Amino acid sequence: MEFNQTLMTEFVLQGFSEHPTLRLPLFGCFLVLYTVALTGNALIITVVGCSGGLHSPMYFFLSNLATMDIILTSTILPKVLAGLTTQRNIISYAGCMAQLFFLLWALSSELLLLLVMAFDRYVAICRPLHYSTIMSPQLCVALAVGVWGICAINASVHTGLMARLNFCGPRVISHFFCEIPPLLLLSCSPTRINSIMTVVADGFYGFTNFLLTLVSYGCIVASILRIRSAEGKRRAFSTCSSHLIAVSVSYTAVFCAYISPASSYSPERSKVAGVLYTALSPTLNPLIYTLRNAEVQRALSKLLPFCRW
């Protein structure tokens, strides 16, 4: 009998149902992470927008990163919280496809933006005399629009390819959100094209993009080591350390979740990685960029008088 994908009107998200005793602690943890991520990233966008001293390329890209983190967490965590309060976590077929699109859009945009931010730091440290000329407002806007646009196309391609598949078997997704590997395992249609495009995306975001980011920071470190004064080295390293920490957290999670064939998919490993890049990374980014940044701290003190750093 031929089944049509329209027969699959909803999926069941497995979530953390295999650990019922952890339901309440997990709800508390995810609620705290979501609240901190939402508040922290919204605060960064507000501070950068309202503080004239932060109207520079570095903070323009930082506000874009904060926007991506809000989209990422808001796409996943409210549904996770709702699922932890019910016995069966149901998500509609359309809701699943929408969640997949926004997840891929925000996640790939964040990885590509980290490369743009690395380039910005490279120009600032390695070519400081030409920084204002190279990183013009026009280029910054073009880079941001390019990141959002390229990644929207990437998300549309993967979501479109997923929507053409038939799902006529088990409908339990072994994850706490809709993701490519577990969805491919549920399909009863050929998934060769999906797998090929996933490998292509992994190659671009997980290898080429990551390699270019490493090269940028390699040049930055080499340039910093040539600085003679200890104070100059300390300030330069302080500027880049936040970016390096954010890059490390983001790529560690993505490598664990995506850089492996669907046949070797591990639900437990994927859930841990999913928590890292949908909850922990967006929560840590505002802390990483504010706790180690004196300019942001001063702007926060002016915007929020009760804040004392």
Protein backbone atom coordinates (compact mmCIF):
# COMPACT_ATOMS: atom_id res chain seq x y z
CA MET A 1 0.00 0.00 0.00
CA GLU A 2 1.29 3.50 -0.90
CA PHE A 3 1.36 5.91 2.02
CA ASN A 4 1.42 9.63 1.56
CA GLN A 5 3.31 11.97 3.87
CA THR A 6 0.06 13.89 4.51
CA LEU A 7 -1.11 10.87 6.53
CA MET A 8 1.61 11.71 9.04
CA THR A 9 -0.09 14.69 10.65
CA GLU A 10 1.98 14.65 13.84
CA PHE A 11 5.08 13.24 15.48
CA VAL A 12 5.84 12.24 19.05
CA LEU A 13 9.01 13.78 20.50
CA GLN A 14 10.65 11.22 22.76
CA GLY A 15 12.36 13.98 24.74
CA PHE A 16 13.59 12.73 28.10
CA SER A 17 10.73 10.29 28.71
CA GLU A 18 13.22 7.47 29.39
CA HIS A 19 14.21 9.35 32.57
CA PRO A 20 10.84 10.13 34.23
CA THR A 21 12.43 10.85 37.62
CA LEU A 22 14.45 13.69 36.07
CA ARG A 23 11.42 15.45 34.62
CA LEU A 24 11.13 18.11 37.34
CA PRO A 25 14.90 18.84 37.62
CA LEU A 26 15.17 19.04 33.83
CA PHE A 27 12.21 21.42 33.67
CA GLY A 28 13.89 23.67 36.22
CA CYS A 29 17.23 23.57 34.39
CA PHE A 30 15.73 24.32 30.96
CA LEU A 31 13.56 27.10 32.41
CA VAL A 32 16.60 28.78 33.98
CA LEU A 33 18.67 28.37 30.81
CA TYR A 34 15.90 29.78 28.61
CA THR A 35 15.25 32.72 30.94
CA VAL A 36 18.94 33.62 31.17
CA ALA A 37 19.49 33.18 27.41
CA LEU A 38 16.44 35.29 26.51
CA THR A 39 17.23 38.02 29.04
CA GLY A 40 20.97 38.13 28.34
CA ASN A 41 20.69 38.25 24.56
CA ALA A 42 17.83 40.79 24.63
CA LEU A 43 19.94 42.93 26.95
CA ILE A 44 22.89 42.81 24.54
CA ILE A 45 20.68 43.91 21.62
CA THR A 46 19.25 46.74 23.73
CA VAL A 47 22.63 47.93 25.03
CA VAL A 48 24.26 47.89 21.59
CA GLY A 49 21.30 49.72 20.06
CA CYS A 50 21.07 52.39 22.78
CA SER A 51 24.78 53.04 23.45
CA GLY A 52 26.55 55.27 20.94
CA GLY A 53 29.93 54.00 22.11
CA LEU A 54 29.04 50.49 20.95
CA HIS A 55 28.10 51.45 17.40
CA SER A 56 31.07 49.63 15.87
CA PRO A 57 31.37 46.54 13.62
CA MET A 58 32.28 44.23 16.52
CA TYR A 59 29.13 45.08 18.48
CA PHE A 60 26.95 45.19 15.37
CA PHE A 61 27.88 41.55 14.71
CA LEU A 62 27.46 40.74 18.40
CA SER A 63 23.87 42.01 18.32
CA ASN A 64 23.26 39.83 15.25
CA LEU A 65 24.64 36.84 17.18
CA ALA A 66 22.32 37.64 20.08
CA THR A 67 19.35 37.77 17.69
CA MET A 68 20.28 34.36 16.29
CA ASP A 69 20.54 32.94 19.81
CA ILE A 70 17.06 34.23 20.68
CA ILE A 71 15.61 32.61 17.55
CA LEU A 72 17.45 29.36 18.30
CA THR A 73 16.36 29.02 21.92
CA SER A 74 12.80 30.21 21.25
CA THR A 75 12.44 27.65 18.47
CA ILE A 76 13.34 24.73 20.74
CA LEU A 77 13.07 25.40 24.47
CA PRO A 78 9.38 26.42 24.87
CA LYS A 79 8.38 23.12 23.26
CA VAL A 80 10.83 21.26 25.49
CA LEU A 81 9.35 22.89 28.60
CA ALA A 82 5.82 22.07 27.45
CA GLY A 83 6.84 18.47 26.76
CA LEU A 84 8.28 18.03 30.24
CA THR A 85 4.87 18.88 31.74
CA THR A 86 2.93 16.26 29.75
CA GLN A 87 3.07 12.49 29.36
CA ARG A 88 3.24 12.60 25.53
CA ASN A 89 5.01 15.41 23.71
CA ILE A 90 3.17 15.83 20.39
CA ILE A 91 4.33 18.12 17.57
CA SER A 92 2.38 18.59 14.34
CA TYR A 93 3.95 17.77 10.97
CA ALA A 94 3.88 21.47 9.98
CA GLY A 95 5.25 22.46 13.38
CA CYS A 96 8.08 19.97 13.00
CA MET A 97 9.06 21.32 9.58
CA ALA A 98 8.88 24.90 10.87
CA GLN A 99 11.03 23.98 13.87
CA LEU A 100 13.57 22.31 11.58
CA PHE A 101 13.75 25.39 9.34
CA PHE A 102 14.31 27.92 12.14
CA LEU A 103 16.77 25.59 13.89
CA LEU A 104 18.90 25.22 10.76
CA TRP A 105 18.59 28.90 9.90
CA ALA A 106 19.72 30.16 13.31
CA LEU A 107 22.37 27.50 13.88
CA SER A 108 24.04 27.83 10.47
CA SER A 109 23.82 31.64 10.69
CA GLU A 110 25.59 31.55 14.04
CA LEU A 111 28.44 29.42 12.69
CA LEU A 112 28.88 31.63 9.62
CA LEU A 113 28.69 34.78 11.73
CA LEU A 114 31.48 33.46 13.96
CA LEU A 115 33.67 33.45 10.83
CA VAL A 116 32.66 37.04 10.06
CA MET A 117 33.48 38.04 13.64
CA ALA A 118 36.85 36.30 13.33
CA PHE A 119 37.53 38.31 10.16
CA ASP A 120 36.55 41.51 11.98
CA ARG A 121 39.03 40.75 14.79
CA TYR A 122 41.70 39.84 12.22
CA VAL A 123 41.37 43.25 10.52
CA ALA A 124 41.26 45.06 13.89
CA ILE A 125 44.45 43.43 15.19
CA CYS A 126 46.46 42.64 12.06
CA ARG A 127 45.57 45.74 10.00
CA PRO A 128 44.52 48.34 12.59
CA LEU A 129 45.41 51.39 10.44
CA HIS A 130 43.02 50.23 7.71
CA TYR A 131 40.27 48.93 10.02
CA SER A 132 37.77 51.78 9.57
CA THR A 133 38.28 51.73 5.81
CA ILE A 134 37.91 47.96 5.39
CA MET A 135 35.12 47.41 7.90
CA SER A 136 32.88 50.13 6.54
CA PRO A 137 29.19 50.29 7.55
CA GLN A 138 28.26 49.19 4.03
CA LEU A 139 30.45 46.08 4.23
CA CYS A 140 29.18 45.20 7.69
CA VAL A 141 25.55 45.38 6.57
CA ALA A 142 26.37 43.38 3.42
CA LEU A 143 28.10 40.68 5.49
CA ALA A 144 25.18 40.44 7.92
CA VAL A 145 22.60 40.29 5.13
CA GLY A 146 24.75 37.70 3.34
CA VAL A 147 24.92 35.51 6.45
CA TRP A 148 21.16 35.64 7.05
CA GLY A 149 20.38 35.15 3.35
CA ILE A 150 22.79 32.27 2.64
CA CYS A 151 21.67 30.42 5.75
CA ALA A 152 17.98 30.98 4.99
CA ILE A 153 18.57 29.33 1.61
CA ASN A 154 20.44 26.48 3.31
CA ALA A 155 17.58 25.96 5.79
CA SER A 156 14.99 26.14 2.99
CA VAL A 157 16.79 23.49 0.93
CA HIS A 158 17.05 21.02 3.81
CA THR A 159 13.48 21.65 5.00
CA GLY A 160 12.15 21.31 1.45
CA LEU A 161 14.00 18.03 0.95
CA MET A 162 12.64 16.76 4.26
CA ALA A 163 9.07 17.78 3.34
CA ARG A 164 9.17 15.69 0.16
CA LEU A 165 9.80 12.47 2.12
CA ASN A 166 7.10 10.00 3.13
CA PHE A 167 6.78 9.15 6.81
CA CYS A 168 4.66 6.02 7.00
CA GLY A 169 6.22 4.04 9.85
CA PRO A 170 6.94 4.80 13.51
CA ARG A 171 6.32 8.43 14.36
CA VAL A 172 8.43 8.72 17.53
CA ILE A 173 11.38 11.10 17.04
CA SER A 174 14.22 9.97 19.31
CA HIS A 175 15.10 13.52 20.28
CA PHE A 176 13.57 16.48 22.12
CA PHE A 177 13.17 18.50 18.89
CA CYS A 178 12.94 17.94 15.14
CA GLU A 179 16.39 17.35 13.70
CA ILE A 180 17.63 15.92 10.40
CA PRO A 181 19.24 12.58 11.51
CA PRO A 182 16.32 11.20 13.57
CA LEU A 183 13.79 12.33 10.96
CA LEU A 184 15.70 10.56 8.18
CA LEU A 185 15.58 7.35 10.22
CA LEU A 186 11.76 7.56 10.31
CA SER A 187 11.31 8.04 6.57
CA CYS A 188 10.19 5.20 4.31
CA SER A 189 11.33 7.14 1.21
CA PRO A 190 14.83 7.14 -0.33
CA THR A 191 16.92 9.65 1.61
CA ARG A 192 20.04 9.66 -0.58
CA ILE A 193 19.60 13.27 -1.74
CA ASN A 194 18.98 14.42 1.84
CA SER A 195 22.12 12.64 3.00
CA ILE A 196 24.21 14.13 0.19
CA MET A 197 23.02 17.66 0.94
CA THR A 198 23.64 17.11 4.64
CA VAL A 199 27.22 16.07 3.87
CA VAL A 200 27.64 19.15 1.64
CA ALA A 201 26.38 21.42 4.43
CA ASP A 202 28.60 19.63 6.96
CA GLY A 203 31.55 20.14 4.65
CA PHE A 204 30.87 23.86 4.32
CA TYR A 205 29.91 24.75 7.90
CA GLY A 206 31.81 22.04 9.74
CA PHE A 207 35.05 22.01 7.72
CA THR A 208 35.56 24.97 5.36
CA ASN A 209 33.94 27.54 7.66
CA PHE A 210 35.69 26.13 10.72
CA LEU A 211 39.06 26.00 8.93
CA LEU A 212 38.78 29.63 7.80
CA THR A 213 37.87 30.65 11.36
CA LEU A 214 40.95 28.83 12.70
CA VAL A 215 43.17 30.44 10.06
CA SER A 216 41.87 33.89 11.06
CA TYR A 217 42.64 33.29 14.72
CA GLY A 218 46.00 31.75 13.84
CA CYS A 219 46.96 34.98 12.09
CA ILE A 220 45.62 36.98 15.03
CA VAL A 221 47.66 35.01 17.58
CA ALA A 222 50.81 35.33 15.44
CA SER A 223 50.25 39.08 15.21
CA ILE A 224 49.66 39.40 18.96
CA LEU A 225 52.88 37.51 19.75
CA ARG A 226 54.80 40.12 17.76
CA ILE A 227 53.53 42.90 20.04
CA ARG A 228 56.41 43.95 22.29
CA SER A 229 54.59 45.38 25.29
CA ALA A 230 53.06 42.96 27.79
CA GLU A 231 50.07 45.28 28.27
CA GLY A 232 49.43 45.36 24.52
CA LYS A 233 49.49 41.57 24.35
CA ARG A 234 47.15 41.28 27.32
CA ARG A 235 44.59 43.67 25.84
CA ALA A 236 44.71 41.98 22.43
CA PHE A 237 44.30 38.50 23.90
CA SER A 238 41.47 39.77 26.11
CA THR A 239 39.63 41.05 23.03
CA CYS A 240 39.89 37.69 21.23
CA SER A 241 39.48 35.27 24.13
CA SER A 242 35.69 35.75 24.26
CA HIS A 243 35.38 34.94 20.55
CA LEU A 244 37.58 31.85 20.91
CA ILE A 245 35.50 30.53 23.82
CA ALA A 246 32.25 31.05 21.87
CA VAL A 247 33.72 29.33 18.79
CA SER A 248 34.90 26.37 20.88
CA VAL A 249 31.53 25.84 22.57
CA SER A 250 29.52 26.15 19.33
CA TYR A 251 31.65 23.89 17.16
CA THR A 252 32.11 21.22 19.84
CA ALA A 253 28.33 20.80 20.06
CA VAL A 254 27.79 20.87 16.29
CA PHE A 255 30.56 18.35 15.61
CA CYS A 256 29.03 15.96 18.14
CA ALA A 257 25.57 16.29 16.62
CA TYR A 258 26.14 16.50 12.87
CA ILE A 259 29.60 15.34 11.79
CA SER A 260 28.65 11.68 11.64
CA PRO A 261 26.59 9.50 9.25
CA ALA A 262 22.90 8.99 9.97
CA SER A 263 23.55 5.24 10.30
CA SER A 264 25.69 5.85 13.40
CA TYR A 265 23.12 8.18 14.98
CA SER A 266 23.12 7.97 18.76
CA PRO A 267 20.03 9.44 20.47
CA GLU A 268 21.76 9.98 23.81
CA ARG A 269 24.81 11.67 22.29
CA SER A 270 22.61 13.80 20.05
CA LYS A 271 20.47 14.93 22.98
CA VAL A 272 23.54 16.00 24.95
CA ALA A 273 24.88 17.88 21.92
CA GLY A 274 21.43 19.39 21.35
CA VAL A 275 21.37 20.77 24.89
CA LEU A 276 24.80 22.32 24.27
CA TYR A 277 23.92 24.24 21.13
CA THR A 278 20.24 25.02 21.74
CA ALA A 279 20.40 25.94 25.44
CA LEU A 280 23.89 26.16 26.92
CA SER A 281 25.70 28.03 24.12
CA PRO A 282 23.02 30.76 23.73
CA THR A 283 23.03 31.14 27.52
CA LEU A 284 26.82 31.40 27.79
CA ASN A 285 27.35 33.78 24.86
CA PRO A 286 25.93 36.89 26.63
CA LEU A 287 27.94 36.03 29.75
CA ILE A 288 31.13 35.44 27.75
CA TYR A 289 30.84 38.73 25.88
CA THR A 290 29.81 40.89 28.86
CA LEU A 291 31.83 39.56 31.79
CA ARG A 292 35.10 39.99 29.86
CA ASN A 293 34.22 43.25 28.09
CA ALA A 294 34.73 46.56 29.89
CA GLU A 295 32.94 48.61 27.21
CA VAL A 296 29.77 46.53 27.48
CA GLN A 297 29.95 46.70 31.28
CA ARG A 298 30.18 50.51 31.21
CA ALA A 299 27.27 50.71 28.75
CA LEU A 300 25.20 48.42 30.98
CA SER A 301 25.96 50.58 34.01
CA LYS A 302 24.66 53.66 32.18
CA LEU A 303 21.59 51.88 30.84
CA LEU A 304 20.83 50.11 34.12
CA PRO A 305 21.98 52.31 37.03
CA PHE A 306 21.39 49.50 39.54
CA CYS A 307 24.08 47.40 37.79
CA ARG A 308 27.51 47.81 39.33
CA TRP A 309 30.39 45.91 37.74
